[in-house]
Amino acid sequence: MMADQWILSGWVALVFWVLGQIWFCQIVIYPLFAKVGEAEYVAYHRFYSRRIPLPVILPGFASFLAPIPLALWGPPVAAWMSAANIAAGAVGLAVTVLLAIPRHNRMERTGRDAAVIAELVRFNWPRTLSITAQAGITLGMLSQASG
């Protein structure tokens, strides 16, 4: 297997890992925040926050940034695929840094807040859809690279 194929293979594994996580987060984890009692909420959120860096945060940020080296050193694919993949990664990064992280930080300090939880669920939709788009684009990339 050539280097560009290894890069694409790594990207496939990463994007589909993150795709499963983001949908699980959107459908289960963020809505579950509203089910935790106020007295337990800060401890619950801290428990959650301490355990997600390796399985969630690192792959998530990698999926936002990896489309750039994939476009540069991956197999040749249609330019629109690389551009759309990079743009979707930028959306995910922006949502994470500008919308999600500040709300998580706020709840870690102040506790359960139904309005903030609702914002997390609502603001996570663009990130969920951008990662879903990346996965769809990846299927197209695989098709082009293999055929």
C-alpha atoms as a PDB file:
ATOM      1  CA  MET A   1       0.000   0.000   0.000  1.00  0.00           C
ATOM      2  CA  MET A   2       1.322   3.442  -0.909  1.00  0.00           C
ATOM      3  CA  ALA A   3       1.624   6.335   1.560  1.00  0.00           C
ATOM      4  CA  ASP A   4      -1.409   8.181   0.181  1.00  0.00           C
ATOM      5  CA  GLN A   5      -3.512   5.067   0.671  1.00  0.00           C
ATOM      6  CA  TRP A   6      -2.298   4.739   4.267  1.00  0.00           C
ATOM      7  CA  ILE A   7      -3.280   8.354   4.882  1.00  0.00           C
ATOM      8  CA  LEU A   8      -6.739   7.745   3.450  1.00  0.00           C
ATOM      9  CA  SER A   9      -7.106   4.526   5.467  1.00  0.00           C
ATOM     10  CA  GLY A  10      -6.214   6.374   8.668  1.00  0.00           C
ATOM     11  CA  TRP A  11      -8.694   9.101   7.794  1.00  0.00           C
ATOM     12  CA  VAL A  12     -11.445   6.532   7.175  1.00  0.00           C
ATOM     13  CA  ALA A  13     -10.881   4.982  10.618  1.00  0.00           C
ATOM     14  CA  LEU A  14     -10.809   8.396  12.297  1.00  0.00           C
ATOM     15  CA  VAL A  15     -13.846   9.919  10.621  1.00  0.00           C
ATOM     16  CA  PHE A  16     -16.064   6.903  11.214  1.00  0.00           C
ATOM     17  CA  TRP A  17     -14.934   6.683  14.865  1.00  0.00           C
ATOM     18  CA  VAL A  18     -15.855  10.351  15.339  1.00  0.00           C
ATOM     19  CA  LEU A  19     -19.108   9.919  13.397  1.00  0.00           C
ATOM     20  CA  GLY A  20     -20.295   7.264  15.850  1.00  0.00           C
ATOM     21  CA  GLN A  21     -19.272   9.392  18.802  1.00  0.00           C
ATOM     22  CA  ILE A  22     -20.945  12.578  17.622  1.00  0.00           C
ATOM     23  CA  TRP A  23     -24.264  10.873  16.960  1.00  0.00           C
ATOM     24  CA  PHE A  24     -24.083   9.126  20.358  1.00  0.00           C
ATOM     25  CA  CYS A  25     -23.368  12.487  21.953  1.00  0.00           C
ATOM     26  CA  GLN A  26     -26.202  14.196  20.073  1.00  0.00           C
ATOM     27  CA  ILE A  27     -28.822  11.523  20.744  1.00  0.00           C
ATOM     28  CA  VAL A  28     -27.792  10.228  24.202  1.00  0.00           C
ATOM     29  CA  ILE A  29     -25.077  12.124  26.096  1.00  0.00           C
ATOM     30  CA  TYR A  30     -26.182  15.753  25.782  1.00  0.00           C
ATOM     31  CA  PRO A  31     -29.883  14.983  26.400  1.00  0.00           C
ATOM     32  CA  LEU A  32     -28.809  12.870  29.395  1.00  0.00           C
ATOM     33  CA  PHE A  33     -27.276  15.978  30.969  1.00  0.00           C
ATOM     34  CA  ALA A  34     -30.837  17.196  31.627  1.00  0.00           C
ATOM     35  CA  LYS A  35     -31.662  13.997  33.553  1.00  0.00           C
ATOM     36  CA  VAL A  36     -28.939  14.415  36.180  1.00  0.00           C
ATOM     37  CA  GLY A  37     -30.066  16.011  39.436  1.00  0.00           C
ATOM     38  CA  GLU A  38     -28.881  19.485  40.359  1.00  0.00           C
ATOM     39  CA  ALA A  39     -27.099  18.309  43.510  1.00  0.00           C
ATOM     40  CA  GLU A  40     -25.088  15.708  41.574  1.00  0.00           C
ATOM     41  CA  TYR A  41     -24.569  17.683  38.396  1.00  0.00           C
ATOM     42  CA  VAL A  42     -21.157  19.290  38.948  1.00  0.00           C
ATOM     43  CA  ALA A  43     -19.646  15.981  40.104  1.00  0.00           C
ATOM     44  CA  TYR A  44     -21.281  14.193  37.155  1.00  0.00           C
ATOM     45  CA  HIS A  45     -19.969  16.717  34.644  1.00  0.00           C
ATOM     46  CA  ARG A  46     -16.468  16.630  36.130  1.00  0.00           C
ATOM     47  CA  PHE A  47     -16.512  12.826  35.941  1.00  0.00           C
ATOM     48  CA  TYR A  48     -17.593  13.070  32.298  1.00  0.00           C
ATOM     49  CA  SER A  49     -15.004  15.749  31.473  1.00  0.00           C
ATOM     50  CA  ARG A  50     -12.097  13.825  32.991  1.00  0.00           C
ATOM     51  CA  ARG A  51     -12.834  10.725  30.950  1.00  0.00           C
ATOM     52  CA  ILE A  52     -13.482  12.075  27.450  1.00  0.00           C
ATOM     53  CA  PRO A  53     -10.100  13.483  26.337  1.00  0.00           C
ATOM     54  CA  LEU A  54      -8.606  10.294  24.884  1.00  0.00           C
ATOM     55  CA  PRO A  55     -11.669   8.664  23.304  1.00  0.00           C
ATOM     56  CA  VAL A  56     -13.566  11.833  22.301  1.00  0.00           C
ATOM     57  CA  ILE A  57     -11.657  15.124  22.367  1.00  0.00           C
ATOM     58  CA  LEU A  58      -8.414  14.030  20.694  1.00  0.00           C
ATOM     59  CA  PRO A  59     -10.127  12.168  17.822  1.00  0.00           C
ATOM     60  CA  GLY A  60     -12.625  15.013  17.464  1.00  0.00           C
ATOM     61  CA  PHE A  61      -9.970  17.684  17.061  1.00  0.00           C
ATOM     62  CA  ALA A  62      -7.998  15.368  14.772  1.00  0.00           C
ATOM     63  CA  SER A  63     -11.082  15.034  12.553  1.00  0.00           C
ATOM     64  CA  PHE A  64     -11.354  18.813  12.308  1.00  0.00           C
ATOM     65  CA  LEU A  65      -7.706  19.243  11.283  1.00  0.00           C
ATOM     66  CA  ALA A  66      -6.788  16.024   9.417  1.00  0.00           C
ATOM     67  CA  PRO A  67      -8.577  17.001   6.184  1.00  0.00           C
ATOM     68  CA  ILE A  68      -5.723  19.434   5.471  1.00  0.00           C
ATOM     69  CA  PRO A  69      -2.904  16.842   5.344  1.00  0.00           C
ATOM     70  CA  LEU A  70      -5.322  14.454   3.641  1.00  0.00           C
ATOM     71  CA  ALA A  71      -5.815  17.034   0.872  1.00  0.00           C
ATOM     72  CA  LEU A  72      -2.069  17.609   0.599  1.00  0.00           C
ATOM     73  CA  TRP A  73      -0.711  14.070   0.849  1.00  0.00           C
ATOM     74  CA  GLY A  74      -3.688  11.760   0.415  1.00  0.00           C
ATOM     75  CA  PRO A  75      -4.717  10.121  -2.847  1.00  0.00           C
ATOM     76  CA  PRO A  76      -5.837  12.376  -5.681  1.00  0.00           C
ATOM     77  CA  VAL A  77      -9.565  13.062  -5.458  1.00  0.00           C
ATOM     78  CA  ALA A  78     -11.853  15.746  -6.845  1.00  0.00           C
ATOM     79  CA  ALA A  79     -10.859  19.147  -5.507  1.00  0.00           C
ATOM     80  CA  TRP A  80     -14.398  19.835  -4.298  1.00  0.00           C
ATOM     81  CA  MET A  81     -14.178  16.785  -2.021  1.00  0.00           C
ATOM     82  CA  SER A  82     -11.031  18.044  -0.331  1.00  0.00           C
ATOM     83  CA  ALA A  83     -12.432  21.578  -0.052  1.00  0.00           C
ATOM     84  CA  ALA A  84     -15.766  20.377   1.359  1.00  0.00           C
ATOM     85  CA  ASN A  85     -13.976  18.078   3.812  1.00  0.00           C
ATOM     86  CA  ILE A  86     -11.781  20.947   5.036  1.00  0.00           C
ATOM     87  CA  ALA A  87     -14.809  23.267   5.298  1.00  0.00           C
ATOM     88  CA  ALA A  88     -16.759  20.666   7.304  1.00  0.00           C
ATOM     89  CA  GLY A  89     -13.775  20.277   9.638  1.00  0.00           C
ATOM     90  CA  ALA A  90     -13.688  24.058  10.099  1.00  0.00           C
ATOM     91  CA  VAL A  91     -17.385  24.051  11.027  1.00  0.00           C
ATOM     92  CA  GLY A  92     -16.785  21.324  13.617  1.00  0.00           C
ATOM     93  CA  LEU A  93     -13.810  23.191  15.047  1.00  0.00           C
ATOM     94  CA  ALA A  94     -15.704  26.500  15.232  1.00  0.00           C
ATOM     95  CA  VAL A  95     -18.726  24.936  16.928  1.00  0.00           C
ATOM     96  CA  THR A  96     -16.494  23.170  19.436  1.00  0.00           C
ATOM     97  CA  VAL A  97     -14.326  26.156  20.337  1.00  0.00           C
ATOM     98  CA  LEU A  98     -16.901  28.941  20.135  1.00  0.00           C
ATOM     99  CA  LEU A  99     -20.064  27.228  21.332  1.00  0.00           C
ATOM    100  CA  ALA A 100     -19.542  23.886  23.074  1.00  0.00           C
ATOM    101  CA  ILE A 101     -16.447  24.433  25.220  1.00  0.00           C
ATOM    102  CA  PRO A 102     -17.705  27.673  26.827  1.00  0.00           C
ATOM    103  CA  ARG A 103     -20.997  25.996  27.762  1.00  0.00           C
ATOM    104  CA  HIS A 104     -19.283  22.943  29.222  1.00  0.00           C
ATOM    105  CA  ASN A 105     -16.998  25.232  31.215  1.00  0.00           C
ATOM    106  CA  ARG A 106     -19.994  27.204  32.495  1.00  0.00           C
ATOM    107  CA  MET A 107     -21.826  24.084  33.673  1.00  0.00           C
ATOM    108  CA  GLU A 108     -18.670  22.733  35.286  1.00  0.00           C
ATOM    109  CA  ARG A 109     -18.541  25.923  37.362  1.00  0.00           C
ATOM    110  CA  THR A 110     -22.213  26.677  38.000  1.00  0.00           C
ATOM    111  CA  GLY A 111     -23.949  23.308  37.745  1.00  0.00           C
ATOM    112  CA  ARG A 112     -26.929  22.113  35.804  1.00  0.00           C
ATOM    113  CA  ASP A 113     -28.644  24.724  33.689  1.00  0.00           C
ATOM    114  CA  ALA A 114     -31.516  23.588  31.487  1.00  0.00           C
ATOM    115  CA  ALA A 115     -31.072  26.493  29.075  1.00  0.00           C
ATOM    116  CA  VAL A 116     -27.370  25.760  28.598  1.00  0.00           C
ATOM    117  CA  ILE A 117     -28.060  22.057  28.099  1.00  0.00           C
ATOM    118  CA  ALA A 118     -30.667  22.929  25.463  1.00  0.00           C
ATOM    119  CA  GLU A 119     -28.103  25.183  23.776  1.00  0.00           C
ATOM    120  CA  LEU A 120     -25.539  22.351  23.776  1.00  0.00           C
ATOM    121  CA  VAL A 121     -28.020  20.038  22.062  1.00  0.00           C
ATOM    122  CA  ARG A 122     -29.060  22.704  19.545  1.00  0.00           C
ATOM    123  CA  PHE A 123     -25.539  23.982  18.843  1.00  0.00           C
ATOM    124  CA  ASN A 124     -24.220  20.446  18.443  1.00  0.00           C
ATOM    125  CA  TRP A 125     -26.396  19.852  15.354  1.00  0.00           C
ATOM    126  CA  PRO A 126     -24.065  21.760  12.976  1.00  0.00           C
ATOM    127  CA  ARG A 127     -21.101  19.784  14.313  1.00  0.00           C
ATOM    128  CA  THR A 128     -23.023  16.506  14.001  1.00  0.00           C
ATOM    129  CA  LEU A 129     -24.023  17.327  10.434  1.00  0.00           C
ATOM    130  CA  SER A 130     -20.524  18.507   9.485  1.00  0.00           C
ATOM    131  CA  ILE A 131     -18.967  15.252  10.685  1.00  0.00           C
ATOM    132  CA  THR A 132     -21.714  13.315   8.916  1.00  0.00           C
ATOM    133  CA  ALA A 133     -20.847  15.244   5.750  1.00  0.00           C
ATOM    134  CA  GLN A 134     -17.176  14.375   6.224  1.00  0.00           C
ATOM    135  CA  ALA A 135     -18.088  10.690   6.431  1.00  0.00           C
ATOM    136  CA  GLY A 136     -20.164  10.943   3.248  1.00  0.00           C
ATOM    137  CA  ILE A 137     -17.371  12.756   1.439  1.00  0.00           C
ATOM    138  CA  THR A 138     -14.991  10.050   2.622  1.00  0.00           C
ATOM    139  CA  LEU A 139     -17.112   7.385   0.932  1.00  0.00           C
ATOM    140  CA  GLY A 140     -16.741   9.372  -2.295  1.00  0.00           C
ATOM    141  CA  MET A 141     -13.000   9.649  -1.742  1.00  0.00           C
ATOM    142  CA  LEU A 142     -12.750   5.899  -1.236  1.00  0.00           C
ATOM    143  CA  SER A 143     -14.672   5.326  -4.427  1.00  0.00           C
ATOM    144  CA  GLN A 144     -12.404   7.650  -6.429  1.00  0.00           C
ATOM    145  CA  ALA A 145      -9.200   6.354  -4.883  1.00  0.00           C
ATOM    146  CA  SER A 146     -10.082   2.724  -5.496  1.00  0.00           C
ATOM    147  CA  GLY A 147     -11.466   3.110  -8.979  1.00  0.00           C
END
